[in-house]
Amino acid sequence: MAQTTFDPSQHLSSIKGQEYLEVKWRLAWLRAEHPDAVITTQLASHEDDRAIFSAHVQIPDGGSATGWGSETAGSFGNYIEKAETKAIGRALAALGFGTQFCMDFDDGPETGVLADAPVQLRRSSQNQNRQEPAARESRGQYDAMTEPQKRKISAMSHNVGLPASEINEVAISVTGAPFGSLTKQQASALIDHLTRLESDMPGRKAS
């Protein structure tokens, strides 16, 4: 059977001057090239109107990637679905499907909400050298995550079964910043999240 080549450039949207490939087109791209790929999602946490999903994409005889996504009821009425979509989008981006064009799912162009972190962070990092000094002045030069916080996060991640390779994804989902760039406040938020996951582990009841 002849296989047509998916052209992502035919499906790009423009948001605030940035090219963006919706997750539905990234999924179409994946299926066009790997129809047997397996996508598995899991609701990792759901409390206080905040949902956190993990998504794993496996390409037969190829690579695999895991992505994390979180949303709150204050951002979307269908925040649970949105969190799952964000996780899938990040996993696909990690495999190279729309990495240079990823921000959100099909609601992105309508709402202007740029949810995917990988490319958004990469683009913002281009201006980081100009923005970082002012940002640090506003929050304090020495507000970076402390070593005790870093060790605690590593230990707690191990306790909840989170691989070290995925800590960065979870940090982005919870705080919007990569693990290596966390402030004290962001590190505390991540610790609170891991604490909730730990408390949910023993005897978690199915709803």
Protein backbone atom coordinates (compact mmCIF):
# COMPACT_ATOMS: atom_id res chain seq x y z
CA MET A 1 0.00 0.00 0.00
CA ALA A 2 1.44 3.36 -0.98
CA GLN A 3 2.12 5.63 1.94
CA THR A 4 1.51 9.32 1.56
CA THR A 5 3.92 11.65 3.28
CA PHE A 6 2.38 13.86 5.91
CA ASP A 7 3.28 17.51 5.38
CA PRO A 8 2.98 19.41 8.70
CA SER A 9 3.48 22.74 6.94
CA GLN A 10 0.00 22.34 5.42
CA HIS A 11 -1.63 22.31 8.87
CA LEU A 12 0.14 25.09 10.74
CA SER A 13 -1.74 27.77 12.62
CA SER A 14 -0.38 31.16 13.62
CA ILE A 15 -0.69 32.38 17.19
CA LYS A 16 0.84 35.71 18.15
CA GLY A 17 3.27 35.41 15.27
CA GLN A 18 4.35 31.87 16.15
CA GLU A 19 3.76 28.81 13.99
CA TYR A 20 1.88 26.11 15.83
CA LEU A 21 0.96 22.50 14.95
CA GLU A 22 -2.05 21.29 16.89
CA VAL A 23 -1.78 17.97 18.69
CA LYS A 24 -4.51 16.48 16.47
CA TRP A 25 -2.22 17.03 13.46
CA ARG A 26 0.74 15.59 15.34
CA LEU A 27 -1.41 12.51 15.97
CA ALA A 28 -2.32 12.37 12.28
CA TRP A 29 1.38 12.62 11.42
CA LEU A 30 2.19 9.78 13.81
CA ARG A 31 -0.52 7.54 12.34
CA ALA A 32 0.52 8.36 8.78
CA GLU A 33 4.05 7.13 9.45
CA HIS A 34 3.43 4.58 12.21
CA PRO A 35 -0.17 3.30 12.17
CA ASP A 36 0.71 0.63 14.74
CA ALA A 37 2.10 3.06 17.30
CA VAL A 38 0.66 2.60 20.79
CA ILE A 39 -0.44 5.55 22.94
CA THR A 40 -1.13 4.93 26.63
CA THR A 41 -2.35 7.62 29.02
CA GLN A 42 -2.82 7.58 32.77
CA LEU A 43 -4.40 10.02 35.20
CA ALA A 44 -1.56 10.46 37.71
CA SER A 45 -3.35 12.88 40.02
CA HIS A 46 -6.75 14.58 40.27
CA GLU A 47 -7.50 16.77 43.25
CA ASP A 48 -8.39 20.37 44.04
CA ASP A 49 -9.68 20.81 40.47
CA ARG A 50 -6.22 20.01 39.06
CA ALA A 51 -5.56 17.02 36.81
CA ILE A 52 -2.15 15.64 35.91
CA PHE A 53 -1.73 13.04 33.16
CA SER A 54 1.15 11.03 31.83
CA ALA A 55 1.20 9.77 28.25
CA HIS A 56 3.48 7.15 26.75
CA VAL A 57 3.95 6.75 23.01
CA GLN A 58 5.62 3.59 21.70
CA ILE A 59 6.63 3.14 18.08
CA PRO A 60 6.98 -0.56 17.19
CA ASP A 61 10.62 -1.36 16.49
CA GLY A 62 11.37 2.30 17.15
CA GLY A 63 11.59 4.89 19.88
CA SER A 64 9.29 5.73 22.75
CA ALA A 65 8.67 8.78 24.91
CA THR A 66 6.66 9.85 27.94
CA GLY A 67 5.07 13.26 28.37
CA TRP A 68 3.32 14.93 31.29
CA GLY A 69 0.55 17.50 31.27
CA SER A 70 -1.51 19.33 33.88
CA GLU A 71 -4.51 21.66 33.79
CA THR A 72 -6.92 23.21 36.27
CA ALA A 73 -10.64 23.85 36.23
CA GLY A 74 -9.90 27.55 36.33
CA SER A 75 -8.24 27.33 32.92
CA PHE A 76 -10.63 24.98 31.10
CA GLY A 77 -14.04 23.47 31.75
CA ASN A 78 -12.75 20.22 30.22
CA TYR A 79 -9.45 20.46 32.10
CA ILE A 80 -9.12 16.69 32.52
CA GLU A 81 -9.19 16.14 28.77
CA LYS A 82 -6.88 19.12 28.31
CA ALA A 83 -4.31 17.66 30.69
CA GLU A 84 -4.38 14.37 28.77
CA THR A 85 -4.01 16.21 25.47
CA LYS A 86 -1.05 18.20 26.75
CA ALA A 87 0.68 15.01 27.92
CA ILE A 88 0.16 13.35 24.53
CA GLY A 89 1.45 16.44 22.75
CA ARG A 90 4.64 16.49 24.78
CA ALA A 91 5.26 12.79 24.23
CA LEU A 92 4.81 13.25 20.48
CA ALA A 93 7.11 16.28 20.52
CA ALA A 94 9.77 14.23 22.29
CA LEU A 95 9.59 11.78 19.37
CA GLY A 96 10.02 14.58 16.84
CA PHE A 97 6.41 14.99 15.71
CA GLY A 98 5.92 18.73 15.57
CA THR A 99 8.70 19.50 18.02
CA GLN A 100 9.37 22.81 16.30
CA PHE A 101 5.68 23.71 16.20
CA CYS A 102 4.19 22.49 19.50
CA MET A 103 2.18 24.51 21.98
CA ASP A 104 -1.36 23.13 22.45
CA PHE A 105 -4.17 20.94 21.02
CA ASP A 106 -7.00 22.00 18.72
CA ASP A 107 -8.33 24.58 21.19
CA GLY A 108 -5.04 26.48 21.10
CA PRO A 109 -5.71 28.74 18.09
CA GLU A 110 -9.19 29.64 19.34
CA THR A 111 -8.21 30.39 22.93
CA GLY A 112 -4.68 31.67 22.45
CA VAL A 113 -3.53 29.39 25.29
CA LEU A 114 -0.12 27.98 24.52
CA ALA A 115 0.04 24.87 26.64
CA ASP A 116 2.86 22.73 25.26
CA ALA A 117 6.13 23.46 26.99
CA PRO A 118 8.93 21.99 24.80
CA VAL A 119 9.03 24.52 21.95
CA GLN A 120 7.63 27.38 23.98
CA LEU A 121 10.49 26.97 26.43
CA ARG A 122 13.02 26.64 23.65
CA ARG A 123 11.84 29.86 22.03
CA SER A 124 11.76 31.74 25.28
CA SER A 125 15.27 30.56 26.03
CA GLN A 126 16.47 32.50 23.00
CA ASN A 127 15.59 35.66 24.90
CA GLN A 128 16.64 34.30 28.27
CA ASN A 129 19.95 36.15 28.35
CA ARG A 130 18.11 39.45 27.94
CA GLN A 131 15.21 38.68 30.26
CA GLU A 132 16.94 36.77 33.03
CA PRO A 133 18.77 39.69 34.71
CA ALA A 134 15.59 41.73 35.06
CA ALA A 135 13.64 38.70 36.25
CA ARG A 136 16.24 37.90 38.87
CA GLU A 137 16.30 41.44 40.12
CA SER A 138 12.54 41.34 40.59
CA ARG A 139 12.54 38.07 42.54
CA GLY A 140 15.99 38.17 44.11
CA GLN A 141 19.28 36.85 42.81
CA TYR A 142 19.43 34.00 45.31
CA ASP A 143 15.94 32.56 45.04
CA ALA A 144 17.13 29.48 43.18
CA MET A 145 16.15 26.03 44.42
CA THR A 146 18.34 24.93 47.32
CA GLU A 147 20.39 21.74 47.42
CA PRO A 148 18.21 20.27 50.22
CA GLN A 149 15.14 20.88 48.05
CA LYS A 150 16.85 19.25 45.09
CA ARG A 151 17.76 16.17 47.15
CA LYS A 152 14.26 15.95 48.60
CA ILE A 153 12.66 16.10 45.15
CA SER A 154 14.99 13.36 43.89
CA ALA A 155 14.19 11.14 46.89
CA MET A 156 10.44 11.73 46.62
CA SER A 157 10.48 11.07 42.87
CA HIS A 158 12.12 7.73 43.58
CA ASN A 159 9.47 6.96 46.21
CA VAL A 160 6.59 7.51 43.77
CA GLY A 161 8.32 5.56 40.99
CA LEU A 162 9.10 8.57 38.83
CA PRO A 163 12.25 7.95 36.70
CA ALA A 164 14.95 10.59 36.96
CA SER A 165 14.61 11.15 33.21
CA GLU A 166 11.02 12.34 33.69
CA ILE A 167 11.50 14.74 36.62
CA ASN A 168 12.03 17.58 34.16
CA GLU A 169 8.68 16.87 32.43
CA VAL A 170 6.82 16.84 35.76
CA ALA A 171 8.54 20.05 36.90
CA ILE A 172 7.38 21.76 33.71
CA SER A 173 3.84 20.43 34.13
CA VAL A 174 3.54 21.57 37.75
CA THR A 175 5.51 24.84 37.74
CA GLY A 176 5.98 25.79 34.08
CA ALA A 177 9.77 25.71 34.51
CA PRO A 178 12.34 22.96 33.87
CA PHE A 179 13.81 21.25 36.93
CA GLY A 180 17.23 22.87 36.64
CA SER A 181 15.70 26.38 36.64
CA LEU A 182 13.32 26.06 39.60
CA THR A 183 13.15 28.80 42.20
CA LYS A 184 12.62 28.02 45.88
CA GLN A 185 8.92 28.70 45.51
CA GLN A 186 8.59 26.50 42.43
CA ALA A 187 10.57 23.73 44.12
CA SER A 188 8.18 23.93 47.08
CA ALA A 189 5.23 23.58 44.71
CA LEU A 190 6.82 20.50 43.14
CA ILE A 191 7.50 19.02 46.59
CA ASP A 192 3.84 19.60 47.51
CA HIS A 193 2.78 17.81 44.33
CA LEU A 194 5.05 14.84 45.04
CA THR A 195 3.79 14.76 48.63
CA ARG A 196 0.23 14.41 47.33
CA LEU A 197 1.30 11.62 45.00
CA GLU A 198 3.00 9.84 47.90
CA SER A 199 -0.11 10.15 50.06
CA ASP A 200 -2.23 8.71 47.24
CA MET A 201 -0.04 5.67 46.70
CA PRO A 202 -1.02 3.36 49.58
CA GLY A 203 -4.54 2.02 49.20
CA ARG A 204 -5.54 4.39 46.41
CA LYS A 205 -9.24 3.83 45.82
CA ALA A 206 -10.77 3.68 42.41
CA SER A 207 -13.44 6.33 41.93
